[in-house]
Protein backbone atom coordinates (compact mmCIF):
# COMPACT_ATOMS: atom_id res chain seq x y z
CA MET A 1 88.06 61.90 110.32
CA VAL A 2 90.98 63.14 108.07
CA ASP A 3 93.33 60.55 106.60
CA ILE A 4 97.35 60.70 106.49
CA LYS A 5 98.93 59.93 103.13
CA VAL A 6 102.26 59.12 102.68
CA TYR A 7 104.39 59.23 99.79
CA ASP A 8 106.98 60.92 97.21
CA LEU A 9 105.63 64.07 96.33
CA GLY A 10 108.69 65.55 94.99
CA ASP A 11 110.93 67.85 96.11
CA GLY A 12 109.87 71.15 97.19
CA LEU A 13 106.40 69.91 98.45
CA TYR A 14 106.74 68.89 102.12
CA GLY A 15 102.85 68.25 102.45
CA GLU A 16 99.29 68.73 100.71
CA THR A 17 95.39 69.29 101.35
CA SER A 18 92.57 70.87 99.87
CA SER A 19 89.22 71.64 101.04
CA PHE A 20 87.98 69.06 98.54
CA TRP A 21 89.41 66.07 99.76
CA ASN A 22 89.69 64.30 103.35
CA TYR A 23 92.64 63.38 103.73
CA ILE A 24 96.74 64.74 103.48
CA ASN A 25 99.22 63.86 101.88
CA LEU A 26 102.94 64.12 103.41
CA ASN A 27 106.14 63.64 101.49
CA SER A 28 107.75 60.52 102.40
CA LYS A 29 111.62 61.63 101.82
CA GLN A 30 111.44 65.49 103.16
CA VAL A 31 109.24 65.16 105.82
CA VAL A 32 109.47 61.17 107.15
CA ASN A 33 112.73 61.29 106.98
CA ASN A 34 113.30 64.44 108.78
CA ALA A 35 112.48 65.01 112.89
CA CYS A 36 111.67 69.01 112.89
CA LYS A 37 109.91 68.60 109.74
CA ARG A 38 107.89 65.58 110.84
CA LYS A 39 106.42 67.95 113.69
CA THR A 40 105.81 71.45 111.89
CA THR A 41 104.14 69.91 108.35
CA PRO A 42 101.62 68.34 109.78
CA ALA A 43 100.77 71.37 111.85
CA HIS A 44 100.63 73.44 109.13
CA GLU A 45 98.40 71.16 106.72
CA LEU A 46 96.23 70.28 109.95
CA TRP A 47 95.73 74.00 110.11
CA HIS A 48 94.69 73.97 106.72
CA ARG A 49 91.96 71.64 107.66
CA VAL A 50 91.03 74.36 110.32
CA GLN A 51 90.71 76.73 107.66
CA TYR A 52 88.00 74.54 105.92
CA ALA A 53 86.10 73.98 108.89
CA PHE A 54 85.67 78.00 109.21
CA GLY A 55 84.16 77.91 105.79
CA TYR A 56 87.50 78.43 103.58
CA VAL A 57 87.04 77.01 100.24
CA SER A 58 90.32 75.91 98.37
CA GLY A 59 91.21 78.10 95.39
CA THR A 60 89.10 81.26 96.72
CA PRO A 61 91.73 83.88 95.05
CA ASN A 62 93.13 87.22 97.25
CA MET A 63 93.13 84.51 100.62
CA LYS A 64 97.17 83.12 100.52
CA TRP A 65 97.80 86.17 102.77
CA ILE A 66 96.00 85.26 105.70
CA VAL A 67 95.20 80.74 104.27
CA GLU A 68 98.75 79.97 104.08
CA ALA A 69 100.25 82.93 106.37
CA THR A 70 98.74 81.40 109.29
CA ALA A 71 99.32 77.92 108.41
CA SER A 72 102.90 79.01 108.94
CA TRP A 73 102.01 80.87 111.92
CA SER A 74 100.65 77.17 113.22
CA GLN A 75 104.32 76.06 112.79
CA ALA A 76 105.50 78.65 115.66
CA PHE A 77 102.61 78.40 117.89
CA THR A 78 102.64 74.29 118.02
CA ASN A 79 106.66 73.89 117.37
CA ARG A 80 107.94 77.28 118.35
CA GLY A 81 111.43 75.79 119.29
CA VAL A 82 111.97 74.47 116.04
CA ARG A 83 111.19 77.57 114.56
CA ASP A 84 111.17 77.04 110.78
CA TYR A 85 108.72 79.25 110.17
CA MET A 86 111.35 82.38 110.55
CA GLY A 87 112.58 81.21 107.25
CA ARG A 88 109.00 82.46 105.77
CA MET A 89 109.17 85.58 108.06
CA ASN A 90 112.49 86.70 106.67
CA GLU A 91 111.05 85.82 103.14
CA GLY A 92 108.39 88.47 104.01
CA LEU A 93 110.59 91.34 105.37
CA ASN A 94 113.00 90.73 102.07
CA VAL A 95 110.00 92.15 100.42
CA PRO A 96 108.45 95.29 102.44
CA ASP A 97 107.07 96.53 99.35
CA LEU A 98 104.77 93.52 97.93
CA ALA A 99 100.69 93.98 97.63
CA LEU A 100 99.55 92.52 100.86
CA ILE A 101 96.61 90.90 100.09
CA GLU A 102 96.74 90.28 96.08
CA GLY A 103 100.69 89.32 96.47
CA ARG A 104 101.47 87.63 99.46
CA SER A 105 101.45 84.56 100.71
CA TYR A 106 103.64 82.53 103.27
CA ASN A 107 105.67 85.57 103.34
CA ALA A 108 103.11 87.15 105.35
CA CYS A 109 103.63 85.03 108.24
CA HIS A 110 104.84 87.82 110.39
CA LEU A 111 102.01 89.89 109.92
CA TRP A 112 100.23 86.90 112.08
CA ILE A 113 103.57 86.58 114.12
CA TYR A 114 102.44 90.26 115.16
CA LEU A 115 99.46 90.19 115.54
CA GLU A 116 99.85 87.13 118.38
CA ARG A 117 102.57 89.41 119.87
CA ARG A 118 100.40 92.46 120.75
CA CYS A 119 96.70 90.10 121.41
CA THR A 120 97.69 86.37 121.42
CA TYR A 121 96.70 83.91 119.95
CA LEU A 122 93.68 83.89 120.45
CA ALA A 123 93.41 87.29 118.29
CA ILE A 124 94.01 84.36 115.11
CA LYS A 125 91.35 81.81 116.23
CA LYS A 126 88.64 85.18 116.30
CA VAL A 127 89.75 86.35 112.82
CA TRP A 128 88.96 82.80 111.76
CA SER A 129 85.54 82.62 113.61
CA THR A 130 84.53 85.91 112.41
CA TYR A 131 85.71 85.50 108.77
CA GLU A 132 83.08 82.31 109.44
CA THR A 133 79.94 84.28 110.19
CA ASN A 134 80.97 87.77 108.00
CA GLY A 135 79.92 86.39 104.80
CA LYS A 136 83.99 85.61 104.25
CA ASP A 137 85.20 88.83 104.24
CA ALA A 138 88.97 88.01 105.56
CA LYS A 139 90.19 92.05 105.85
CA ALA A 140 86.89 92.67 107.73
CA ALA A 141 87.57 90.07 109.84
CA LEU A 142 90.81 90.98 111.09
CA ASP A 143 89.52 94.75 110.81
CA THR A 144 87.08 93.12 113.67
CA VAL A 145 89.47 91.58 115.88
CA VAL A 146 91.80 94.85 115.82
CA ASN A 147 88.92 97.59 116.57
CA ASP A 148 87.92 95.39 119.06
CA ARG A 149 91.11 94.07 121.34
CA LEU A 150 94.01 97.30 119.85
CA GLY A 151 91.28 99.69 119.13
CA ILE A 152 92.57 100.66 115.75
CA GLY A 153 91.52 99.58 112.51
CA PHE A 154 92.96 97.20 109.75
CA ASP A 155 94.35 100.59 108.15
CA LYS A 156 96.35 101.71 110.93
CA PHE A 157 97.12 97.89 111.96
CA ILE A 158 99.10 97.97 108.57
CA VAL A 159 100.90 100.80 109.25
CA GLU A 160 101.76 99.77 113.25
CA TRP A 161 103.56 96.45 111.61
CA SER A 162 104.71 98.55 108.66
CA LYS A 163 106.63 100.35 111.74
CA THR A 164 107.73 97.36 113.63
CA ASN A 165 110.32 95.56 111.19
CA TYR A 166 111.78 98.23 110.69
CA ILE A 167 111.97 99.60 114.61
CA LYS A 168 112.28 96.00 115.76
CA ASP A 169 116.24 96.05 115.52
CA LEU A 170 116.61 99.19 117.76
CA GLY A 171 116.90 99.79 121.60
CA GLY A 172 113.77 100.50 123.28
CA ALA A 173 111.38 98.88 120.50
CA GLY A 174 108.74 97.67 122.89
CA VAL A 175 105.41 96.58 121.13
CA TYR A 176 107.49 97.31 117.78
CA SER A 177 109.51 94.08 118.08
CA TYR A 178 109.33 90.10 117.35
CA VAL A 179 110.48 87.82 120.29
CA GLU A 180 111.93 85.96 117.32
CA ASN A 181 114.21 89.01 116.86
CA LYS A 182 118.27 88.66 117.28
CA LYS A 183 117.81 85.39 117.82
CA THR A 184 119.04 81.97 115.92
CA LYS A 185 118.32 78.90 116.02
CA THR A 186 119.95 75.26 114.12
CA SER A 187 117.27 72.51 113.74
CA CYS A 188 117.86 69.66 112.10
CA ASP A 189 121.31 71.10 110.44
CA VAL A 190 119.12 73.90 109.30
CA VAL A 191 119.83 77.49 110.76
CA TYR A 192 117.28 79.57 111.29
CA GLY A 193 117.06 83.44 112.26
CA PRO A 194 118.42 85.81 112.97
CA LEU A 195 115.24 88.25 111.29
CA VAL A 196 116.85 90.21 108.54
CA LEU A 197 116.85 93.85 108.53
CA VAL A 198 114.12 95.04 106.49
CA PRO A 199 115.46 96.49 103.08
CA ARG A 200 116.02 100.56 103.10
CA THR A 201 117.31 103.88 101.42
CA SER A 202 120.09 104.69 102.92
CA VAL A 203 120.92 108.80 102.70
CA ASP A 204 123.91 110.43 104.42
CA ILE A 205 122.53 114.34 105.73
CA ASP A 206 124.71 116.93 106.61
CA SER A 207 123.96 120.80 106.74
CA THR A 208 123.74 121.34 103.16
CA SER A 209 122.38 118.29 101.73
CA LEU A 210 119.39 118.30 99.79
CA TYR A 211 118.09 114.84 99.06
CA THR A 212 114.68 113.92 96.86
CA ASP A 213 113.30 110.97 95.14
CA ALA A 214 110.19 109.63 93.87
CA GLY A 215 108.75 106.46 93.99
CA ASN A 216 105.52 103.78 94.11
CA VAL A 217 104.87 101.79 96.96
CA SER A 218 101.84 98.94 96.81
CA SER A 219 98.92 98.32 98.24
CA TYR A 220 99.70 97.99 102.18
CA GLY A 221 103.11 97.48 101.43
CA ALA A 222 105.68 100.13 102.79
CA ASP A 223 108.78 101.70 101.45
CA TYR A 224 112.06 102.33 104.20
CA TYR A 225 114.14 105.09 104.04
CA GLU A 226 117.46 105.83 106.71
CA PHE A 227 118.70 109.57 107.07
CA ASN A 228 121.93 109.01 108.58
CA LEU A 229 122.74 112.37 110.22
CA ASP A 230 126.74 113.80 110.25
CA THR A 231 126.89 114.03 114.26
CA THR A 232 129.91 116.00 113.41
CA ASP A 233 128.46 118.64 111.55
CA GLN A 234 128.31 121.26 114.46
CA ASP A 235 125.80 123.54 111.74
CA LEU A 236 123.30 119.98 111.63
CA ASN A 237 120.09 120.62 114.29
CA ASN A 238 117.58 120.56 111.99
CA LEU A 239 116.11 117.99 109.35
CA GLN A 240 112.92 118.54 107.45
CA ILE A 241 111.30 115.58 105.44
CA THR A 242 108.14 115.34 103.50
CA VAL A 243 106.20 112.71 101.68
CA ASP A 244 103.97 113.55 99.38
CA GLY A 245 101.47 111.37 97.54
CA ALA A 246 97.61 111.29 97.27
CA GLY A 247 96.65 107.92 99.92
CA VAL A 248 100.12 107.66 101.38
CA ASN A 249 101.04 107.41 104.98
CA SER A 250 104.05 108.03 106.77
CA SER A 251 105.98 107.54 110.19
CA PHE A 252 109.08 109.11 111.32
CA VAL A 253 111.63 107.61 113.95
CA ASP A 254 113.98 109.69 115.87
CA ILE A 255 117.39 107.47 116.57
CA SER A 256 120.10 108.42 118.70
CA SER A 257 122.96 105.66 117.98
CA SER A 258 120.64 102.79 118.27
CA LEU A 259 118.07 104.05 120.40
CA LYS A 260 114.68 104.80 119.23
CA LYS A 261 113.71 108.31 120.38
CA LYS A 262 110.50 109.34 119.09
CA ILE A 263 108.25 108.07 116.81
CA THR A 264 105.78 110.68 115.13
CA ASP A 265 103.31 109.32 112.64
CA GLY A 266 101.82 112.05 109.80
CA THR A 267 98.28 113.10 109.74
CA ASN A 268 98.22 114.38 106.07
CA THR A 269 98.85 112.86 102.07
CA LYS A 270 101.02 115.50 101.97
CA GLU A 271 103.49 115.43 105.77
CA VAL A 272 106.02 117.57 106.65
CA TYR A 273 107.77 116.44 109.34
CA LEU A 274 110.21 118.41 111.00
CA THR A 275 112.71 117.42 113.77
CA THR A 276 114.98 119.92 115.63
CA PHE A 277 118.17 119.12 118.12
CA LYS A 278 120.82 119.77 119.06
CA PRO A 279 124.43 119.18 117.00
CA GLY A 280 125.73 115.25 117.18
CA LYS A 281 122.78 113.96 119.51
CA LEU A 282 120.68 112.99 117.21
CA SER A 283 122.14 109.86 114.67
CA ARG A 284 119.14 108.90 112.09
CA VAL A 285 116.02 109.44 111.12
CA GLY A 286 113.99 106.79 110.02
CA VAL A 287 111.07 107.07 107.79
CA ILE A 288 108.43 104.13 106.69
CA VAL A 289 106.12 105.15 103.54
CA GLY A 290 102.98 103.15 103.69
CA GLY A 291 100.95 102.30 100.46
CA GLY A 292 97.61 102.38 102.14
CA SER A 293 94.18 100.59 100.84
CA ALA A 294 95.68 101.25 97.01
CA GLY A 295 99.06 102.06 96.38
CA VAL A 296 100.35 105.19 95.76
CA ASP A 297 103.04 107.08 93.47
CA TYR A 298 105.04 109.68 96.11
CA THR A 299 107.95 112.19 96.53
CA ILE A 300 109.75 112.45 99.45
CA GLU A 301 112.34 115.33 99.97
CA ALA A 302 115.35 115.86 103.29
CA LYS A 303 116.97 118.62 103.88
CA ALA A 304 118.33 121.04 106.70
CA CYS A 305 116.81 124.30 106.76
CA ALA A 306 119.66 126.93 105.97
CA ASN A 307 120.05 129.37 109.08
CA LEU A 308 116.63 127.84 111.63
CA ASP A 309 116.32 131.02 113.55
CA ILE A 310 113.47 133.10 115.76
CA THR A 311 115.27 136.39 115.29
CA GLY A 312 113.53 137.91 112.51
CA THR A 313 109.96 139.04 110.81
CA TRP A 314 107.22 136.86 111.20
CA ASP A 315 103.76 137.06 109.84
CA ASP A 316 100.09 135.51 111.29
CA VAL A 317 97.02 134.63 109.78
CA TYR A 318 95.53 137.60 111.61
CA GLY A 319 97.86 139.71 109.57
CA TYR A 320 100.30 140.88 112.90
CA VAL A 321 103.81 141.32 112.49
CA TYR A 322 106.16 140.02 114.98
CA ASN A 323 110.09 141.08 114.93
CA LEU A 324 111.30 138.80 117.37
CA THR A 325 115.08 138.66 118.79
CA LEU A 326 116.15 135.46 120.39
CA GLU A 327 118.58 135.83 122.78
CA GLY A 328 120.16 132.32 124.33
CA LYS A 329 116.51 130.91 125.20
CA LYS A 330 114.77 134.08 125.52
CA VAL A 331 112.55 135.45 122.97
CA SER A 332 111.63 139.51 122.73
CA GLY A 333 110.28 142.17 120.08
CA THR A 334 106.72 143.25 119.47
CA VAL A 335 103.74 142.51 117.09
CA ASP A 336 102.40 145.40 114.85
CA THR A 337 98.60 144.45 115.60
CA GLY A 338 97.48 146.71 113.53
CA GLY A 339 94.12 148.50 115.48
CA CYS A 340 95.24 147.96 118.61
CA GLY A 341 98.97 148.91 117.85
CA VAL A 342 102.35 147.62 118.94
CA TRP A 343 102.28 145.35 121.40
CA ASN A 344 105.77 144.07 123.68
CA VAL A 345 106.09 140.44 123.05
CA ARG A 346 108.21 138.56 125.82
CA GLY A 347 108.83 134.59 125.82
CA THR A 348 111.27 131.31 125.40
CA TYR A 349 112.68 129.04 122.79
CA THR A 350 113.80 125.85 123.23
CA MET A 351 115.05 122.99 120.64
CA SER A 352 114.62 119.37 121.10
CA PRO A 353 111.94 119.39 120.32
CA SER A 354 111.32 122.80 118.84
CA LYS A 355 108.74 124.97 120.96
CA LEU A 356 108.51 128.68 121.00
CA ASN A 357 105.79 130.51 123.82
CA PHE A 358 105.38 133.88 124.30
CA THR A 359 103.03 136.49 125.64
CA ALA A 360 102.32 139.55 123.98
CA THR A 361 101.23 142.28 126.34
CA ASN A 362 98.98 145.43 125.43
CA PRO A 363 100.90 148.42 126.87
CA ASN A 364 98.28 150.75 126.14
CA TYR A 365 95.17 148.53 127.47
CA GLN A 366 92.05 151.10 128.31
CA ASN A 367 89.90 148.11 130.22
CA GLY A 368 88.92 146.49 126.78
CA ASN A 369 86.64 149.85 125.85
CA ASP A 370 88.71 150.32 122.53
CA GLY A 371 87.56 146.73 121.71
CA CYS A 372 91.20 145.76 123.08
CA THR A 373 92.28 143.04 125.19
CA LEU A 374 95.25 142.84 127.89
CA TRP A 375 97.13 139.82 126.64
CA PHE A 376 97.25 137.03 124.39
CA LYS A 377 99.95 133.97 124.74
CA TYR A 378 101.10 131.77 122.21
CA ARG A 379 101.58 128.02 122.32
CA THR A 380 103.49 126.78 119.53
CA ALA A 381 105.94 124.52 117.53
CA LEU A 382 107.76 124.69 114.63
CA ALA A 383 106.02 123.22 111.59
CA THR A 384 108.46 123.37 109.00
CA CYS A 385 111.68 125.48 108.09
CA ASP A 386 110.25 128.73 108.14
CA SER A 387 106.52 128.35 109.87
CA ILE A 388 104.90 127.55 112.78
CA GLU A 389 102.30 126.68 114.09
CA GLY A 390 100.00 126.44 117.22
CA THR A 391 97.57 127.46 119.93
CA TRP A 392 96.88 131.09 121.52
CA ARG A 393 94.35 131.92 124.49
CA ASN A 394 93.83 135.34 125.61
CA TYR A 395 93.01 137.53 128.78
CA SER A 396 89.45 138.09 127.65
CA GLY A 397 88.60 134.33 127.24
CA TYR A 398 89.07 133.74 123.53
CA SER A 399 91.13 130.83 122.42
CA GLY A 400 92.30 129.45 118.83
CA SER A 401 95.11 128.06 116.40
CA PHE A 402 97.04 129.90 114.10
CA THR A 403 99.59 129.71 111.82
CA MET A 404 102.68 132.07 111.78
CA TRP A 405 105.14 132.37 108.48
CA LYS A 406 109.15 133.50 108.76
CA ARG A 407 109.56 136.11 106.21
CA PRO A 408 112.71 136.36 104.24
CA GLU A 409 115.19 139.55 104.64
CA GLY A 410 114.59 141.75 102.20
CA GLU A 411 110.44 140.31 101.40
CA ALA A 412 108.00 143.01 101.59
CA VAL A 413 105.25 141.04 100.71
CA SER A 414 103.49 138.87 104.12
CA ARG A 415 104.07 135.37 104.07
CA ALA A 416 100.25 135.34 105.03
CA VAL A 417 99.01 136.73 102.34
CA MET A 418 101.23 135.29 99.92
CA ALA A 419 99.29 131.84 101.39
CA GLY A 420 95.92 133.22 101.00
CA CYS A 421 95.03 134.78 104.81
CA ALA A 422 93.86 137.71 103.30
CA GLU A 423 91.36 139.72 105.55
CA GLY A 424 87.87 138.90 105.11
CA HIS A 425 88.68 135.98 102.05
CA ILE A 426 89.12 132.22 103.95
CA THR A 427 86.14 131.41 105.63
CA THR A 428 87.12 127.97 106.38
CA GLY A 429 91.04 126.28 107.18
CA PRO A 430 93.43 128.12 109.21
CA CYS A 431 92.38 131.51 108.24
CA ALA A 432 88.97 130.67 109.29
CA GLU A 433 89.04 132.36 112.73
CA GLY A 434 90.66 135.77 111.55
CA SER A 435 88.21 136.32 109.01
CA GLN A 436 85.18 135.72 111.00
CA GLY A 437 86.50 138.81 113.86
CA ILE A 438 87.57 136.88 116.45
CA THR A 439 91.52 137.84 117.07
CA PRO A 440 93.77 136.67 119.84
CA THR A 441 93.29 140.57 120.64
CA SER A 442 89.40 140.80 120.46
CA VAL A 443 87.47 141.16 123.62
CA LYS A 444 84.12 139.85 124.55
CA GLU A 445 80.85 141.98 124.18
């Protein structure tokens, strides 16, 4: 049994309890006389008593992000119509670059609101019951639950939450949203909501822009950037964004008007994201920079690629040299394969997103007797302003991956050689297949 004691606790303290007590204190002035706080404050304090039942001891360090935040969530679970918990959500949304485990408290409420949104309220109960049995490790408990229910670990769940805090305000947000978004409620003469926009660095971009910045983001925190594209600039048909930092994670959101079009998650600590589009058809690109488990220093660069064009000379990891011409969507030209001679190239190029697909055909095919196959096909996408990545397969049944680099006008040195793909010198990475004797022109023995 838990006793309830009611007396004046002073301004600003609605209620209190402790795992060392068998009672709850409620503020006689600020709670008893307020019809809304009479509902939500007891719910908050009773949830603390639930936490004690699962083994939490008051004062355990680095626990407020789950202790006070799930108690704030309980106000939503028991009295969603009051909506005073939205004040805690907005407190958290206003400080996105705050270390989650070491720095957050009540203002992590929106993390648990999001967990309920994705997994129902039972997931929060399961986190606490897992905490009871896993050695009292709150982070590991949440990791277990999101792995079981969503198939992702703790770190990835935080990335999803960080994306939600930005994407929630866009059309077509889907799971990246809160039920509370754009809602306002007046309870006991206090207005709660709507949810605030997460702070972001806003940058205007045209076809001549170059933006660079350096920053630091806390452990499981996030920084946000929004690049506003000049839709009247007919030369602006692409944007390349580079996020670089050891341990950093990044996500990119293409936006047309206020509608989410595409979300792309980075996979590298140095991520180069290139989006291509018809002039005026894309209005913004949002970038979420996450601090991961340790927090990171990072740099970010955004620029429009000058003269982004397929026409020109290209080199690939196999030492092949391509001379390509783009007319409309049709690509034609030749590729000098070295030992197998010059082949004909035919294919297509499309933008939004950018894709280059072509077939190279051997005009002097000799049934493979000379070690040269009949054809190979490349399926590609522009990776940076001047490089292409993709996969290939050939007539003889070989397949692999590759990178191509566009050679600037007047430059004689192959970009492939500059990148370290000299024949026979590379045994790992994107040049490995070429160095091991398997190439797009190869014939199986």
